[in-house]
Amino acid sequence: MALFSELAVYKTGYDFLLEIYNRTKNFPREYKFSLGEKMKEASLDLLIDVCKANKSKPQRPL
């Protein structure tokens, strides 16, 4: 089993997360803490799901 940090989908998701953090810095104040935080949370949840999926055992085919 590969480390999650070496997976291509994780690397792409992490780059996406960094881009969101960089872009939300320039949001207007009224959107920074509403829309910006939702975007950050959703992208972070994506990375957490990738880590969980990598650790789970493969399911048997039917």
PDB file of N, CA and C in Angstrom:
ATOM      1  N   MET A   1       0.847  -1.172   0.000  1.00  0.00           N
ATOM      2  CA  MET A   1       0.000   0.000   0.000  1.00  0.00           C
ATOM      3  C   MET A   1       0.897   1.241   0.000  1.00  0.00           C
ATOM      4  N   ALA A   2       0.631   2.151  -0.898  1.00  0.00           N
ATOM      5  CA  ALA A   2       1.423   3.369  -1.012  1.00  0.00           C
ATOM      6  C   ALA A   2       1.036   4.359   0.075  1.00  0.00           C
ATOM      7  N   LEU A   3       1.968   5.218   0.414  1.00  0.00           N
ATOM      8  CA  LEU A   3       1.644   6.304   1.336  1.00  0.00           C
ATOM      9  C   LEU A   3       0.694   7.270   0.643  1.00  0.00           C
ATOM     10  N   PHE A   4      -0.263   7.784   1.403  1.00  0.00           N
ATOM     11  CA  PHE A   4      -1.236   8.686   0.783  1.00  0.00           C
ATOM     12  C   PHE A   4      -0.572   9.930   0.222  1.00  0.00           C
ATOM     13  N   SER A   5       0.515  10.370   0.839  1.00  0.00           N
ATOM     14  CA  SER A   5       1.184  11.587   0.373  1.00  0.00           C
ATOM     15  C   SER A   5       1.902  11.382  -0.962  1.00  0.00           C
ATOM     16  N   GLU A   6       2.046  10.127  -1.400  1.00  0.00           N
ATOM     17  CA  GLU A   6       2.685   9.847  -2.676  1.00  0.00           C
ATOM     18  C   GLU A   6       1.681   9.629  -3.806  1.00  0.00           C
ATOM     19  N   LEU A   7       0.396   9.593  -3.484  1.00  0.00           N
ATOM     20  CA  LEU A   7      -0.622   9.372  -4.505  1.00  0.00           C
ATOM     21  C   LEU A   7      -0.811  10.621  -5.355  1.00  0.00           C
ATOM     22  N   ALA A   8      -1.009  10.411  -6.634  1.00  0.00           N
ATOM     23  CA  ALA A   8      -1.192  11.545  -7.552  1.00  0.00           C
ATOM     24  C   ALA A   8      -2.439  12.346  -7.204  1.00  0.00           C
ATOM     25  N   VAL A   9      -3.513  11.657  -6.806  1.00  0.00           N
ATOM     26  CA  VAL A   9      -4.749  12.364  -6.469  1.00  0.00           C
ATOM     27  C   VAL A   9      -4.551  13.215  -5.218  1.00  0.00           C
ATOM     28  N   TYR A  10      -3.763  12.752  -4.268  1.00  0.00           N
ATOM     29  CA  TYR A  10      -3.482  13.539  -3.067  1.00  0.00           C
ATOM     30  C   TYR A  10      -2.647  14.768  -3.408  1.00  0.00           C
ATOM     31  N   LYS A  11      -1.624  14.572  -4.233  1.00  0.00           N
ATOM     32  CA  LYS A  11      -0.769  15.694  -4.614  1.00  0.00           C
ATOM     33  C   LYS A  11      -1.560  16.767  -5.352  1.00  0.00           C
ATOM     34  N   THR A  12      -2.447  16.349  -6.256  1.00  0.00           N
ATOM     35  CA  THR A  12      -3.278  17.294  -6.989  1.00  0.00           C
ATOM     36  C   THR A  12      -4.241  18.003  -6.040  1.00  0.00           C
ATOM     37  N   GLY A  13      -4.834  17.256  -5.133  1.00  0.00           N
ATOM     38  CA  GLY A  13      -5.740  17.852  -4.155  1.00  0.00           C
ATOM     39  C   GLY A  13      -5.036  18.821  -3.230  1.00  0.00           C
ATOM     40  N   TYR A  14      -3.811  18.490  -2.835  1.00  0.00           N
ATOM     41  CA  TYR A  14      -3.036  19.378  -1.970  1.00  0.00           C
ATOM     42  C   TYR A  14      -2.676  20.669  -2.696  1.00  0.00           C
ATOM     43  N   ASP A  15      -2.281  20.544  -3.957  1.00  0.00           N
ATOM     44  CA  ASP A  15      -1.989  21.742  -4.752  1.00  0.00           C
ATOM     45  C   ASP A  15      -3.240  22.611  -4.894  1.00  0.00           C
ATOM     46  N   PHE A  16      -4.384  21.963  -5.065  1.00  0.00           N
ATOM     47  CA  PHE A  16      -5.659  22.673  -5.154  1.00  0.00           C
ATOM     48  C   PHE A  16      -5.956  23.404  -3.847  1.00  0.00           C
ATOM     49  N   LEU A  17      -5.718  22.744  -2.720  1.00  0.00           N
ATOM     50  CA  LEU A  17      -5.934  23.360  -1.414  1.00  0.00           C
ATOM     51  C   LEU A  17      -5.050  24.593  -1.236  1.00  0.00           C
ATOM     52  N   LEU A  18      -3.785  24.496  -1.602  1.00  0.00           N
ATOM     53  CA  LEU A  18      -2.886  25.641  -1.499  1.00  0.00           C
ATOM     54  C   LEU A  18      -3.343  26.795  -2.385  1.00  0.00           C
ATOM     55  N   GLU A  19      -3.828  26.469  -3.566  1.00  0.00           N
ATOM     56  CA  GLU A  19      -4.327  27.498  -4.478  1.00  0.00           C
ATOM     57  C   GLU A  19      -5.557  28.197  -3.893  1.00  0.00           C
ATOM     58  N   ILE A  20      -6.428  27.429  -3.253  1.00  0.00           N
ATOM     59  CA  ILE A  20      -7.609  28.026  -2.615  1.00  0.00           C
ATOM     60  C   ILE A  20      -7.173  28.970  -1.506  1.00  0.00           C
ATOM     61  N   TYR A  21      -6.217  28.566  -0.685  1.00  0.00           N
ATOM     62  CA  TYR A  21      -5.732  29.434   0.380  1.00  0.00           C
ATOM     63  C   TYR A  21      -5.136  30.719  -0.188  1.00  0.00           C
ATOM     64  N   ASN A  22      -4.387  30.606  -1.273  1.00  0.00           N
ATOM     65  CA  ASN A  22      -3.792  31.799  -1.873  1.00  0.00           C
ATOM     66  C   ASN A  22      -4.848  32.724  -2.474  1.00  0.00           C
ATOM     67  N   ARG A  23      -5.850  32.153  -3.115  1.00  0.00           N
ATOM     68  CA  ARG A  23      -6.882  32.967  -3.766  1.00  0.00           C
ATOM     69  C   ARG A  23      -7.829  33.618  -2.769  1.00  0.00           C
ATOM     70  N   THR A  24      -8.141  32.924  -1.668  1.00  0.00           N
ATOM     71  CA  THR A  24      -9.090  33.486  -0.708  1.00  0.00           C
ATOM     72  C   THR A  24      -8.483  34.623   0.107  1.00  0.00           C
ATOM     73  N   LYS A  25      -7.173  34.771   0.083  1.00  0.00           N
ATOM     74  CA  LYS A  25      -6.545  35.917   0.758  1.00  0.00           C
ATOM     75  C   LYS A  25      -7.033  37.229   0.171  1.00  0.00           C
ATOM     76  N   ASN A  26      -7.331  37.229  -1.118  1.00  0.00           N
ATOM     77  CA  ASN A  26      -7.719  38.451  -1.816  1.00  0.00           C
ATOM     78  C   ASN A  26      -9.229  38.647  -1.899  1.00  0.00           C
ATOM     79  N   PHE A  27     -10.011  37.770  -1.263  1.00  0.00           N
ATOM     80  CA  PHE A  27     -11.465  37.927  -1.273  1.00  0.00           C
ATOM     81  C   PHE A  27     -11.861  39.188  -0.508  1.00  0.00           C
ATOM     82  N   PRO A  28     -12.948  39.804  -0.902  1.00  0.00           N
ATOM     83  CA  PRO A  28     -13.480  40.908  -0.092  1.00  0.00           C
ATOM     84  C   PRO A  28     -13.847  40.391   1.301  1.00  0.00           C
ATOM     85  N   ARG A  29     -13.836  41.279   2.264  1.00  0.00           N
ATOM     86  CA  ARG A  29     -14.044  40.891   3.650  1.00  0.00           C
ATOM     87  C   ARG A  29     -15.348  40.120   3.868  1.00  0.00           C
ATOM     88  N   GLU A  30     -16.431  40.551   3.219  1.00  0.00           N
ATOM     89  CA  GLU A  30     -17.726  39.907   3.457  1.00  0.00           C
ATOM     90  C   GLU A  30     -17.772  38.471   2.939  1.00  0.00           C
ATOM     91  N   TYR A  31     -16.867  38.109   2.019  1.00  0.00           N
ATOM     92  CA  TYR A  31     -16.834  36.749   1.483  1.00  0.00           C
ATOM     93  C   TYR A  31     -15.711  35.901   2.068  1.00  0.00           C
ATOM     94  N   LYS A  32     -14.711  36.548   2.620  1.00  0.00           N
ATOM     95  CA  LYS A  32     -13.535  35.823   3.102  1.00  0.00           C
ATOM     96  C   LYS A  32     -13.902  34.798   4.173  1.00  0.00           C
ATOM     97  N   PHE A  33     -14.785  35.175   5.081  1.00  0.00           N
ATOM     98  CA  PHE A  33     -15.086  34.288   6.203  1.00  0.00           C
ATOM     99  C   PHE A  33     -16.344  33.461   5.986  1.00  0.00           C
ATOM    100  N   SER A  34     -17.033  33.653   4.910  1.00  0.00           N
ATOM    101  CA  SER A  34     -18.194  32.804   4.629  1.00  0.00           C
ATOM    102  C   SER A  34     -17.840  31.851   3.488  1.00  0.00           C
ATOM    103  N   LEU A  35     -17.752  32.366   2.292  1.00  0.00           N
ATOM    104  CA  LEU A  35     -17.462  31.540   1.126  1.00  0.00           C
ATOM    105  C   LEU A  35     -16.044  30.972   1.184  1.00  0.00           C
ATOM    106  N   GLY A  36     -15.094  31.799   1.585  1.00  0.00           N
ATOM    107  CA  GLY A  36     -13.694  31.351   1.648  1.00  0.00           C
ATOM    108  C   GLY A  36     -13.500  30.189   2.597  1.00  0.00           C
ATOM    109  N   GLU A  37     -14.107  30.265   3.771  1.00  0.00           N
ATOM    110  CA  GLU A  37     -13.976  29.184   4.747  1.00  0.00           C
ATOM    111  C   GLU A  37     -14.658  27.910   4.269  1.00  0.00           C
ATOM    112  N   LYS A  38     -15.786  28.047   3.596  1.00  0.00           N
ATOM    113  CA  LYS A  38     -16.470  26.860   3.066  1.00  0.00           C
ATOM    114  C   LYS A  38     -15.615  26.177   1.999  1.00  0.00           C
ATOM    115  N   MET A  39     -14.961  26.970   1.159  1.00  0.00           N
ATOM    116  CA  MET A  39     -14.101  26.402   0.128  1.00  0.00           C
ATOM    117  C   MET A  39     -12.908  25.673   0.748  1.00  0.00           C
ATOM    118  N   LYS A  40     -12.307  26.274   1.766  1.00  0.00           N
ATOM    119  CA  LYS A  40     -11.168  25.654   2.440  1.00  0.00           C
ATOM    120  C   LYS A  40     -11.586  24.358   3.119  1.00  0.00           C
ATOM    121  N   GLU A  41     -12.720  24.386   3.795  1.00  0.00           N
ATOM    122  CA  GLU A  41     -13.196  23.202   4.500  1.00  0.00           C
ATOM    123  C   GLU A  41     -13.508  22.061   3.539  1.00  0.00           C
ATOM    124  N   ALA A  42     -14.144  22.372   2.421  1.00  0.00           N
ATOM    125  CA  ALA A  42     -14.499  21.336   1.455  1.00  0.00           C
ATOM    126  C   ALA A  42     -13.256  20.696   0.838  1.00  0.00           C
ATOM    127  N   SER A  43     -12.262  21.504   0.515  1.00  0.00           N
ATOM    128  CA  SER A  43     -11.053  20.938  -0.087  1.00  0.00           C
ATOM    129  C   SER A  43     -10.253  20.139   0.936  1.00  0.00           C
ATOM    130  N   LEU A  44     -10.276  20.565   2.182  1.00  0.00           N
ATOM    131  CA  LEU A  44      -9.590  19.802   3.224  1.00  0.00           C
ATOM    132  C   LEU A  44     -10.301  18.475   3.466  1.00  0.00           C
ATOM    133  N   ASP A  45     -11.622  18.477   3.429  1.00  0.00           N
ATOM    134  CA  ASP A  45     -12.385  17.232   3.570  1.00  0.00           C
ATOM    135  C   ASP A  45     -12.044  16.250   2.451  1.00  0.00           C
ATOM    136  N   LEU A  46     -11.823  16.770   1.260  1.00  0.00           N
ATOM    137  CA  LEU A  46     -11.435  15.922   0.137  1.00  0.00           C
ATOM    138  C   LEU A  46     -10.121  15.194   0.426  1.00  0.00           C
ATOM    139  N   LEU A  47      -9.140  15.913   0.956  1.00  0.00           N
ATOM    140  CA  LEU A  47      -7.848  15.293   1.257  1.00  0.00           C
ATOM    141  C   LEU A  47      -7.981  14.265   2.374  1.00  0.00           C
ATOM    142  N   ILE A  48      -8.819  14.548   3.348  1.00  0.00           N
ATOM    143  CA  ILE A  48      -9.037  13.600   4.441  1.00  0.00           C
ATOM    144  C   ILE A  48      -9.684  12.325   3.900  1.00  0.00           C
ATOM    145  N   ASP A  49     -10.631  12.472   2.983  1.00  0.00           N
ATOM    146  CA  ASP A  49     -11.279  11.304   2.374  1.00  0.00           C
ATOM    147  C   ASP A  49     -10.287  10.462   1.582  1.00  0.00           C
ATOM    148  N   VAL A  50      -9.348  11.105   0.902  1.00  0.00           N
ATOM    149  CA  VAL A  50      -8.322  10.366   0.158  1.00  0.00           C
ATOM    150  C   VAL A  50      -7.467   9.544   1.120  1.00  0.00           C
ATOM    151  N   CYS A  51      -7.103  10.144   2.248  1.00  0.00           N
ATOM    152  CA  CYS A  51      -6.301   9.424   3.244  1.00  0.00           C
ATOM    153  C   CYS A  51      -7.061   8.233   3.804  1.00  0.00           C
ATOM    154  N   LYS A  52      -8.347   8.432   4.128  1.00  0.00           N
ATOM    155  CA  LYS A  52      -9.161   7.343   4.671  1.00  0.00           C
ATOM    156  C   LYS A  52      -9.336   6.225   3.646  1.00  0.00           C
ATOM    157  N   ALA A  53      -9.574   6.581   2.405  1.00  0.00           N
ATOM    158  CA  ALA A  53      -9.766   5.572   1.362  1.00  0.00           C
ATOM    159  C   ALA A  53      -8.492   4.767   1.145  1.00  0.00           C
ATOM    160  N   ASN A  54      -7.346   5.403   1.277  1.00  0.00           N
ATOM    161  CA  ASN A  54      -6.083   4.698   1.082  1.00  0.00           C
ATOM    162  C   ASN A  54      -5.817   3.711   2.213  1.00  0.00           C
ATOM    163  N   LYS A  55      -6.310   4.008   3.411  1.00  0.00           N
ATOM    164  CA  LYS A  55      -6.085   3.134   4.559  1.00  0.00           C
ATOM    165  C   LYS A  55      -7.091   1.992   4.639  1.00  0.00           C
ATOM    166  N   SER A  56      -8.237   2.134   3.969  1.00  0.00           N
ATOM    167  CA  SER A  56      -9.276   1.110   4.084  1.00  0.00           C
ATOM    168  C   SER A  56      -8.865  -0.148   3.330  1.00  0.00           C
ATOM    169  N   LYS A  57      -9.415  -1.253   3.760  1.00  0.00           N
ATOM    170  CA  LYS A  57      -9.121  -2.535   3.122  1.00  0.00           C
ATOM    171  C   LYS A  57      -9.954  -2.642   1.850  1.00  0.00           C
ATOM    172  N   PRO A  58      -9.387  -3.241   0.807  1.00  0.00           N
ATOM    173  CA  PRO A  58     -10.168  -3.415  -0.427  1.00  0.00           C
ATOM    174  C   PRO A  58     -11.352  -4.358  -0.193  1.00  0.00           C
ATOM    175  N   GLN A  59     -12.456  -4.050  -0.834  1.00  0.00           N
ATOM    176  CA  GLN A  59     -13.644  -4.884  -0.697  1.00  0.00           C
ATOM    177  C   GLN A  59     -13.541  -6.060  -1.659  1.00  0.00           C
ATOM    178  N   ARG A  60     -14.144  -7.168  -1.258  1.00  0.00           N
ATOM    179  CA  ARG A  60     -14.148  -8.350  -2.120  1.00  0.00           C
ATOM    180  C   ARG A  60     -15.117  -8.118  -3.263  1.00  0.00           C
ATOM    181  N   PRO A  61     -14.758  -8.559  -4.455  1.00  0.00           N
ATOM    182  CA  PRO A  61     -15.706  -8.442  -5.579  1.00  0.00           C
ATOM    183  C   PRO A  61     -16.907  -9.350  -5.357  1.00  0.00           C
ATOM    184  N   LEU A  62     -18.040  -8.956  -5.875  1.00  0.00           N
ATOM    185  CA  LEU A  62     -19.275  -9.755  -5.719  1.00  0.00           C
ATOM    186  C   LEU A  62     -19.275 -10.972  -6.590  1.00  0.00           C
TER     187      LEU A  62
END
